[in-house]
């Protein structure tokens, strides 16, 4: 049977050529299909990567603004840290609030700060203070401490009525101000 096929192909050269071209075309089509699938996978990968990159580029301005806000907050924090050895300026901070709030500081002491613990960046400078005044004045004194530029942590407080019936109150505070190490 193989001999008959050979004889037929020799007798019909045009048909033989077309059959060879057809066979080679099938092989070429298979190769091109595999290459196309590989290129489509690569195109999908690059498209996804480009989409992610485009998202990052679009977020660039937002990220730059966020970084600017963070750097500004760090700068303001560093500018408003107390220096433990600068006692006069540290105490003046509390006296300046006293003048704006119609209160009177009856006691103000800066205590020795504890040593920095492992991993802490800032020193915590402790103060104990007592102030007297009416309810509105002491409330404003606390508000000024809270919104002021110094970073303050109120550890303990007590509020009591002073003896004498003048509607005066006395406020005792134990606070910590963030300071330079």
Protein backbone atom coordinates (compact mmCIF):
# COMPACT_ATOMS: atom_id res chain seq x y z
CA UNK A 1 0.00 0.00 0.00
CA UNK A 2 2.89 2.31 0.73
CA UNK A 3 4.23 1.62 -2.77
CA UNK A 4 0.91 2.63 -4.32
CA UNK A 5 0.97 5.92 -2.36
CA UNK A 6 4.51 6.66 -3.56
CA UNK A 7 3.48 5.93 -7.16
CA UNK A 8 0.42 8.17 -6.81
CA UNK A 9 2.46 11.06 -5.39
CA UNK A 10 5.06 10.73 -8.19
CA UNK A 11 2.32 10.71 -10.79
CA UNK A 12 0.69 13.85 -9.36
CA UNK A 13 3.50 16.34 -8.49
CA UNK A 14 1.12 19.32 -8.13
CA UNK A 15 -1.05 17.42 -5.66
CA UNK A 16 2.05 16.24 -3.80
CA UNK A 17 3.32 19.80 -3.53
CA UNK A 18 -0.06 21.06 -2.30
CA UNK A 19 -0.20 18.24 0.24
CA UNK A 20 3.30 19.12 1.51
CA UNK A 21 2.39 22.83 1.72
CA UNK A 22 -0.83 21.90 3.52
CA UNK A 23 1.08 19.78 6.06
CA UNK A 24 3.67 22.50 6.63
CA UNK A 25 0.87 25.05 6.97
CA UNK A 26 -0.78 22.93 9.68
CA UNK A 27 2.52 22.77 11.54
CA UNK A 28 2.96 26.55 11.13
CA UNK A 29 -0.57 27.22 12.35
CA UNK A 30 0.05 25.09 15.46
CA UNK A 31 3.32 26.90 16.17
CA UNK A 32 1.70 30.33 15.66
CA UNK A 33 -1.21 29.34 17.96
CA UNK A 34 1.24 28.39 20.72
CA UNK A 35 3.20 31.62 20.23
CA UNK A 36 0.01 33.67 20.24
CA UNK A 37 -1.08 32.10 23.53
CA UNK A 38 2.34 32.84 25.05
CA UNK A 39 2.19 36.44 23.79
CA UNK A 40 -1.34 36.87 25.15
CA UNK A 41 -0.19 35.68 28.59
CA UNK A 42 2.76 38.10 28.47
CA UNK A 43 0.44 40.90 27.33
CA UNK A 44 -1.93 40.19 30.26
CA UNK A 45 1.00 40.23 32.71
CA UNK A 46 2.39 43.50 31.35
CA UNK A 47 -1.11 45.04 31.27
CA UNK A 48 -1.66 44.16 34.95
CA UNK A 49 1.75 45.55 35.85
CA UNK A 50 1.00 48.71 33.90
CA UNK A 51 -2.37 49.09 35.61
CA UNK A 52 -0.71 48.78 39.02
CA UNK A 53 1.96 51.29 38.02
CA UNK A 54 -0.69 53.68 36.71
CA UNK A 55 -2.49 53.40 40.06
CA UNK A 56 0.74 54.23 41.89
CA UNK A 57 1.37 57.18 39.59
CA UNK A 58 -2.15 58.41 40.20
CA UNK A 59 -1.60 58.08 43.96
CA UNK A 60 1.74 59.87 43.80
CA UNK A 61 0.29 63.30 44.58
CA UNK A 62 -1.75 61.92 47.44
CA UNK A 63 1.29 60.09 48.84
CA UNK A 64 3.44 63.21 48.51
CA UNK A 65 0.80 65.21 50.40
CA UNK A 66 0.63 62.54 53.12
CA UNK A 67 4.43 62.55 53.42
CA UNK A 68 4.41 66.34 53.66
CA UNK A 69 1.81 66.20 56.46
CA UNK A 70 3.81 63.58 58.35
CA UNK A 71 7.05 65.54 57.98
CA UNK A 72 5.26 68.71 59.12
CA UNK A 73 3.89 66.90 62.19
CA UNK A 74 7.36 65.58 63.04
CA UNK A 75 8.84 69.07 62.61
CA UNK A 76 6.17 70.64 64.86
CA UNK A 77 6.69 67.91 67.45
CA UNK A 78 10.44 68.44 67.46
CA UNK A 79 10.03 72.23 67.69
CA UNK A 80 7.75 71.92 70.73
CA UNK A 81 9.74 69.47 72.80
CA UNK A 82 10.83 70.72 76.20
CA UNK A 83 14.48 70.71 77.17
CA UNK A 84 14.82 69.33 80.67
CA UNK A 85 17.65 71.67 81.67
CA UNK A 86 15.83 74.82 80.49
CA UNK A 87 13.82 75.16 83.68
CA UNK A 88 12.87 78.83 83.28
CA UNK A 89 11.33 78.37 79.84
CA UNK A 90 9.60 75.16 80.88
CA UNK A 91 7.96 76.80 83.89
CA UNK A 92 7.11 79.94 81.90
CA UNK A 93 4.96 77.77 79.63
CA UNK A 94 2.62 77.08 82.56
CA UNK A 95 2.75 80.66 83.83
CA UNK A 96 1.79 81.99 80.38
CA UNK A 97 -1.32 79.81 80.46
CA UNK A 98 -2.07 81.07 83.97
CA UNK A 99 -2.11 84.65 82.68
CA UNK A 100 -4.58 83.86 79.90
CA UNK A 101 -7.06 81.88 81.99
CA UNK A 102 -7.74 83.88 85.16
CA UNK A 103 -6.28 81.19 87.36
CA UNK A 104 -3.46 81.29 89.86
CA UNK A 105 -0.72 78.71 90.07
CA UNK A 106 -0.14 77.96 93.72
CA UNK A 107 2.49 75.29 93.16
CA UNK A 108 4.61 74.29 90.16
CA UNK A 109 7.49 71.82 90.29
CA UNK A 110 9.49 70.11 87.58
CA UNK A 111 10.50 66.63 88.73
CA UNK A 112 13.43 64.50 87.60
CA UNK A 113 12.45 62.51 84.53
CA UNK A 114 12.84 58.75 84.49
CA UNK A 115 15.51 57.26 82.25
CA UNK A 116 14.52 56.50 78.68
CA UNK A 117 13.18 52.99 78.31
CA UNK A 118 14.31 50.80 75.46
CA UNK A 119 12.64 51.89 72.25
CA UNK A 120 11.46 55.28 73.53
CA UNK A 121 12.36 58.26 71.38
CA UNK A 122 11.35 61.12 73.65
CA UNK A 123 11.97 61.96 77.27
CA UNK A 124 8.94 62.37 79.53
CA UNK A 125 9.52 65.37 81.82
CA UNK A 126 7.15 65.22 84.83
CA UNK A 127 5.56 68.22 86.58
CA UNK A 128 3.31 68.63 89.55
CA UNK A 129 1.21 71.74 89.75
CA UNK A 130 -1.69 73.21 91.63
CA UNK A 131 -3.92 75.99 90.40
CA UNK A 132 -6.88 77.78 91.89
CA UNK A 133 -9.69 79.69 90.30
CA UNK A 134 -13.33 79.45 89.39
CA UNK A 135 -14.74 76.53 87.41
CA UNK A 136 -14.61 78.37 84.06
CA UNK A 137 -11.03 79.54 84.59
CA UNK A 138 -9.78 76.09 85.58
CA UNK A 139 -11.64 74.55 82.66
CA UNK A 140 -9.95 77.02 80.32
CA UNK A 141 -6.59 76.29 81.98
CA UNK A 142 -7.02 72.58 81.20
CA UNK A 143 -8.17 73.36 77.67
CA UNK A 144 -5.10 75.55 77.07
CA UNK A 145 -2.87 72.74 78.31
CA UNK A 146 -4.60 70.34 75.96
CA UNK A 147 -4.52 72.48 72.80
CA UNK A 148 -1.17 74.17 73.45
CA UNK A 149 1.91 73.50 71.35
CA UNK A 150 3.61 71.34 73.98
CA UNK A 151 2.70 67.67 73.97
CA UNK A 152 1.34 66.99 77.40
CA UNK A 153 -0.01 63.90 79.12
CA UNK A 154 -2.15 64.40 82.21
CA UNK A 155 -1.37 61.46 84.48
CA UNK A 156 -3.45 62.39 87.53
CA UNK A 157 -5.70 65.23 88.58
CA UNK A 158 -7.98 66.17 91.40
CA UNK A 159 -10.46 69.00 91.68
CA UNK A 160 -11.78 70.20 95.00
CA UNK A 161 -13.62 73.16 96.45
CA UNK A 162 -11.44 75.48 98.49
CA UNK A 163 -12.53 76.32 101.97
CA UNK A 164 -13.84 79.82 102.42
CA UNK A 165 -17.04 79.74 100.36
CA UNK A 166 -15.75 81.94 97.52
CA UNK A 167 -16.70 79.36 94.89
CA UNK A 168 -13.00 78.90 94.28
CA UNK A 169 -11.77 75.52 93.20
CA UNK A 170 -8.35 73.99 93.49
CA UNK A 171 -6.90 71.78 90.76
CA UNK A 172 -3.93 69.47 91.36
CA UNK A 173 -2.26 67.99 88.30
CA UNK A 174 0.46 65.49 87.67
CA UNK A 175 1.55 65.84 84.04
CA UNK A 176 4.33 64.84 81.68
CA UNK A 177 5.63 66.97 78.84
CA UNK A 178 7.40 65.38 75.91
CA UNK A 179 11.05 66.39 75.88
CA UNK A 180 14.30 65.97 74.01
CA UNK A 181 16.34 62.98 75.11
